């Protein structure tokens, strides 16, 4: 992925691999959500962290995005799923 500085902000060159970090309470449900939401797009789910109390878990999702609209669409889909509390 290449990001170039321009006057109005960063410019991302597509297609590129994009990483989303998702946080939730149940890793299995989160993995199932990713499988349903991302479907045909090749992606990699990488365990990230578990909170000190074990109440929350985070996963990194790496997916190929072809354009800004696709990147935003994946973000919104993840954000709106009930098993996912937060998307970064």
N, C-alpha and C. Protein backbone atom coordinates (compact mmCIF):
# COMPACT_ATOMS: atom_id res chain seq x y z
N UNK A 1 0.86 -1.17 0.00
CA UNK A 1 0.00 0.00 0.00
C UNK A 1 0.90 1.23 0.00
N UNK A 2 0.56 2.18 -0.83
CA UNK A 2 1.30 3.43 -0.86
C UNK A 2 0.36 4.57 -0.53
N UNK A 3 0.83 5.42 0.38
CA UNK A 3 0.07 6.62 0.73
C UNK A 3 0.95 7.81 0.40
N UNK A 4 0.44 8.72 -0.40
CA UNK A 4 1.20 9.89 -0.78
C UNK A 4 0.58 11.13 -0.14
N UNK A 5 1.44 12.01 0.36
CA UNK A 5 0.96 13.26 0.94
C UNK A 5 0.52 14.21 -0.17
N UNK A 6 -0.66 14.76 -0.01
CA UNK A 6 -1.15 15.80 -0.90
C UNK A 6 -1.77 16.88 -0.04
N UNK A 7 -2.05 18.02 -0.60
CA UNK A 7 -2.55 19.16 0.18
C UNK A 7 -3.82 18.84 0.95
N UNK A 8 -4.73 18.07 0.39
CA UNK A 8 -6.02 17.79 1.03
C UNK A 8 -6.00 16.55 1.91
N UNK A 9 -4.83 15.99 2.17
CA UNK A 9 -4.75 14.78 3.00
C UNK A 9 -3.98 13.68 2.29
N UNK A 10 -4.11 12.48 2.79
CA UNK A 10 -3.40 11.35 2.23
C UNK A 10 -4.12 10.82 0.98
N UNK A 11 -3.34 10.32 0.08
CA UNK A 11 -3.88 9.69 -1.14
C UNK A 11 -3.51 8.22 -1.09
N UNK A 12 -4.48 7.33 -1.15
CA UNK A 12 -4.25 5.90 -1.08
C UNK A 12 -4.34 5.34 -2.49
N UNK A 13 -3.34 4.56 -2.88
CA UNK A 13 -3.35 3.95 -4.20
C UNK A 13 -4.02 2.58 -4.12
N UNK A 14 -5.06 2.40 -4.95
CA UNK A 14 -5.83 1.16 -4.99
C UNK A 14 -5.47 0.38 -6.23
N UNK A 15 -5.59 -0.93 -6.21
CA UNK A 15 -6.02 -1.78 -5.09
C UNK A 15 -4.89 -1.90 -4.07
N UNK A 16 -5.27 -2.20 -2.83
CA UNK A 16 -4.30 -2.36 -1.75
C UNK A 16 -4.88 -3.27 -0.67
N UNK A 17 -3.99 -3.77 0.17
CA UNK A 17 -4.42 -4.55 1.34
C UNK A 17 -4.73 -3.55 2.44
N UNK A 18 -5.88 -3.71 3.10
CA UNK A 18 -6.28 -2.81 4.17
C UNK A 18 -6.53 -3.63 5.42
N UNK A 19 -6.14 -3.10 6.57
CA UNK A 19 -6.33 -3.81 7.82
C UNK A 19 -7.36 -3.08 8.67
N UNK A 20 -8.33 -3.83 9.14
CA UNK A 20 -9.33 -3.35 10.08
C UNK A 20 -9.09 -4.10 11.39
N UNK A 21 -9.17 -3.42 12.51
CA UNK A 21 -9.13 -4.11 13.79
C UNK A 21 -10.55 -4.10 14.33
N UNK A 22 -11.06 -5.28 14.66
CA UNK A 22 -12.40 -5.37 15.21
C UNK A 22 -12.31 -5.84 16.65
N UNK A 23 -13.20 -5.33 17.47
CA UNK A 23 -13.23 -5.65 18.89
C UNK A 23 -14.63 -6.13 19.24
N UNK A 24 -14.69 -7.19 20.01
CA UNK A 24 -15.97 -7.74 20.44
C UNK A 24 -15.77 -8.63 21.65
N UNK A 25 -16.80 -9.38 21.99
CA UNK A 25 -16.74 -10.23 23.19
C UNK A 25 -16.58 -11.71 22.88
N UNK A 26 -16.95 -12.12 21.66
CA UNK A 26 -16.92 -13.54 21.34
C UNK A 26 -16.16 -13.74 20.03
N UNK A 27 -14.97 -14.32 20.13
CA UNK A 27 -14.12 -14.47 18.94
C UNK A 27 -14.79 -15.32 17.86
N UNK A 28 -15.45 -16.38 18.25
CA UNK A 28 -16.11 -17.26 17.27
C UNK A 28 -17.18 -16.49 16.49
N UNK A 29 -18.01 -15.73 17.19
CA UNK A 29 -19.05 -14.94 16.53
C UNK A 29 -18.46 -13.88 15.62
N UNK A 30 -17.36 -13.28 16.05
CA UNK A 30 -16.70 -12.26 15.23
C UNK A 30 -16.13 -12.88 13.95
N UNK A 31 -15.52 -14.05 14.07
CA UNK A 31 -14.98 -14.74 12.89
C UNK A 31 -16.10 -15.12 11.93
N UNK A 32 -17.23 -15.58 12.47
CA UNK A 32 -18.38 -15.91 11.63
C UNK A 32 -18.90 -14.67 10.92
N UNK A 33 -18.94 -13.54 11.62
CA UNK A 33 -19.40 -12.29 11.02
C UNK A 33 -18.50 -11.89 9.85
N UNK A 34 -17.20 -12.00 10.05
CA UNK A 34 -16.25 -11.66 8.98
C UNK A 34 -16.48 -12.56 7.78
N UNK A 35 -16.66 -13.84 8.02
CA UNK A 35 -16.87 -14.79 6.92
C UNK A 35 -18.13 -14.44 6.13
N UNK A 36 -19.20 -14.06 6.82
CA UNK A 36 -20.46 -13.71 6.16
C UNK A 36 -20.33 -12.37 5.43
N UNK A 37 -19.72 -11.39 6.06
CA UNK A 37 -19.68 -10.04 5.51
C UNK A 37 -18.67 -9.89 4.37
N UNK A 38 -17.55 -10.55 4.47
CA UNK A 38 -16.49 -10.39 3.47
C UNK A 38 -16.66 -11.40 2.33
N UNK A 39 -17.24 -12.53 2.59
CA UNK A 39 -17.58 -13.58 1.63
C UNK A 39 -16.50 -13.91 0.63
N UNK A 40 -16.62 -13.43 -0.60
CA UNK A 40 -15.76 -13.86 -1.69
C UNK A 40 -14.40 -13.16 -1.74
N UNK A 41 -14.25 -12.09 -0.99
CA UNK A 41 -12.98 -11.37 -0.99
C UNK A 41 -11.96 -12.12 -0.14
N UNK A 42 -10.78 -12.37 -0.69
CA UNK A 42 -9.77 -13.05 0.12
C UNK A 42 -9.38 -12.17 1.30
N UNK A 43 -9.38 -12.75 2.48
CA UNK A 43 -9.00 -11.99 3.66
C UNK A 43 -8.27 -12.91 4.64
N UNK A 44 -7.56 -12.27 5.54
CA UNK A 44 -6.83 -12.99 6.57
C UNK A 44 -7.29 -12.46 7.91
N UNK A 45 -7.64 -13.37 8.82
CA UNK A 45 -8.05 -13.01 10.17
C UNK A 45 -6.91 -13.37 11.11
N UNK A 46 -6.39 -12.36 11.79
CA UNK A 46 -5.22 -12.55 12.65
C UNK A 46 -5.60 -12.18 14.08
N UNK A 47 -5.47 -13.12 15.02
CA UNK A 47 -5.76 -12.78 16.42
C UNK A 47 -4.84 -11.65 16.87
N UNK A 48 -5.39 -10.73 17.64
CA UNK A 48 -4.61 -9.59 18.08
C UNK A 48 -4.40 -9.61 19.59
N UNK A 49 -5.43 -9.25 20.34
CA UNK A 49 -5.27 -9.17 21.79
C UNK A 49 -6.54 -9.63 22.50
N UNK A 50 -6.36 -9.97 23.77
CA UNK A 50 -7.47 -10.25 24.67
C UNK A 50 -7.29 -9.30 25.85
N UNK A 51 -8.38 -8.68 26.29
CA UNK A 51 -8.27 -7.74 27.41
C UNK A 51 -7.78 -8.45 28.67
N UNK A 52 -7.28 -7.69 29.61
CA UNK A 52 -6.74 -8.25 30.85
C UNK A 52 -7.77 -9.08 31.60
N UNK A 53 -9.03 -8.69 31.50
CA UNK A 53 -10.10 -9.43 32.19
C UNK A 53 -10.65 -10.57 31.35
N UNK A 54 -10.25 -10.62 30.08
CA UNK A 54 -10.76 -11.66 29.18
C UNK A 54 -12.14 -11.36 28.64
N UNK A 55 -12.64 -10.17 28.91
CA UNK A 55 -13.99 -9.81 28.48
C UNK A 55 -14.05 -9.43 27.00
N UNK A 56 -12.97 -8.87 26.47
CA UNK A 56 -12.94 -8.40 25.08
C UNK A 56 -11.81 -9.05 24.32
N UNK A 57 -12.02 -9.22 23.03
CA UNK A 57 -11.01 -9.78 22.14
C UNK A 57 -10.94 -8.91 20.89
N UNK A 58 -9.74 -8.79 20.33
CA UNK A 58 -9.62 -8.04 19.07
C UNK A 58 -8.97 -8.92 18.02
N UNK A 59 -9.39 -8.70 16.79
CA UNK A 59 -8.87 -9.43 15.63
C UNK A 59 -8.48 -8.40 14.57
N UNK A 60 -7.41 -8.68 13.85
CA UNK A 60 -7.05 -7.86 12.70
C UNK A 60 -7.54 -8.58 11.45
N UNK A 61 -8.22 -7.84 10.61
CA UNK A 61 -8.76 -8.37 9.36
C UNK A 61 -8.02 -7.69 8.22
N UNK A 62 -7.28 -8.46 7.42
CA UNK A 62 -6.59 -7.92 6.25
C UNK A 62 -7.36 -8.35 5.01
N UNK A 63 -7.74 -7.36 4.21
CA UNK A 63 -8.54 -7.64 3.02
C UNK A 63 -8.08 -6.74 1.87
N UNK A 64 -8.15 -7.26 0.68
CA UNK A 64 -7.82 -6.48 -0.52
C UNK A 64 -9.02 -5.59 -0.85
N UNK A 65 -8.77 -4.29 -0.98
CA UNK A 65 -9.84 -3.37 -1.37
C UNK A 65 -9.45 -2.72 -2.70
N UNK A 66 -10.42 -2.61 -3.57
CA UNK A 66 -10.16 -2.12 -4.92
C UNK A 66 -10.33 -0.61 -5.06
N UNK A 67 -11.07 0.00 -4.13
CA UNK A 67 -11.34 1.43 -4.23
C UNK A 67 -11.81 1.97 -2.88
N UNK A 68 -11.92 3.27 -2.77
CA UNK A 68 -12.38 3.93 -1.55
C UNK A 68 -13.77 3.45 -1.13
N UNK A 69 -14.66 3.30 -2.10
CA UNK A 69 -16.03 2.87 -1.79
C UNK A 69 -16.04 1.47 -1.18
N UNK A 70 -15.20 0.58 -1.69
CA UNK A 70 -15.11 -0.78 -1.15
C UNK A 70 -14.55 -0.76 0.27
N UNK A 71 -13.53 0.06 0.49
CA UNK A 71 -12.93 0.17 1.82
C UNK A 71 -13.95 0.67 2.84
N UNK A 72 -14.72 1.67 2.45
CA UNK A 72 -15.75 2.22 3.33
C UNK A 72 -16.89 1.23 3.54
N UNK A 73 -17.27 0.52 2.49
CA UNK A 73 -18.34 -0.46 2.58
C UNK A 73 -18.00 -1.59 3.55
N UNK A 74 -16.77 -2.09 3.47
CA UNK A 74 -16.35 -3.16 4.40
C UNK A 74 -16.38 -2.63 5.83
N UNK A 75 -15.88 -1.42 6.04
CA UNK A 75 -15.88 -0.80 7.37
C UNK A 75 -17.31 -0.71 7.92
N UNK A 76 -18.22 -0.19 7.12
CA UNK A 76 -19.61 -0.02 7.56
C UNK A 76 -20.27 -1.36 7.86
N UNK A 77 -20.01 -2.35 7.02
CA UNK A 77 -20.59 -3.68 7.25
C UNK A 77 -20.12 -4.26 8.58
N UNK A 78 -18.82 -4.16 8.83
CA UNK A 78 -18.27 -4.65 10.10
C UNK A 78 -18.85 -3.87 11.28
N UNK A 79 -18.90 -2.56 11.14
CA UNK A 79 -19.38 -1.69 12.23
C UNK A 79 -20.83 -1.96 12.60
N UNK A 80 -21.63 -2.34 11.62
CA UNK A 80 -23.06 -2.55 11.87
C UNK A 80 -23.41 -3.95 12.33
N UNK A 81 -22.44 -4.86 12.41
CA UNK A 81 -22.74 -6.23 12.83
C UNK A 81 -22.85 -6.28 14.36
N UNK A 82 -23.88 -6.97 14.88
CA UNK A 82 -24.11 -6.98 16.34
C UNK A 82 -23.01 -7.66 17.16
N UNK A 83 -22.22 -8.54 16.60
CA UNK A 83 -21.17 -9.19 17.39
C UNK A 83 -19.88 -8.37 17.45
N UNK A 84 -19.84 -7.26 16.71
CA UNK A 84 -18.66 -6.41 16.67
C UNK A 84 -18.98 -5.09 17.38
N UNK A 85 -18.22 -4.80 18.42
CA UNK A 85 -18.44 -3.60 19.22
C UNK A 85 -17.78 -2.37 18.60
N UNK A 86 -16.57 -2.55 18.08
CA UNK A 86 -15.80 -1.42 17.57
C UNK A 86 -14.95 -1.85 16.39
N UNK A 87 -14.81 -0.95 15.40
CA UNK A 87 -13.94 -1.19 14.24
C UNK A 87 -12.95 -0.04 14.17
N UNK A 88 -11.70 -0.38 14.08
CA UNK A 88 -10.64 0.64 13.93
C UNK A 88 -9.96 0.46 12.59
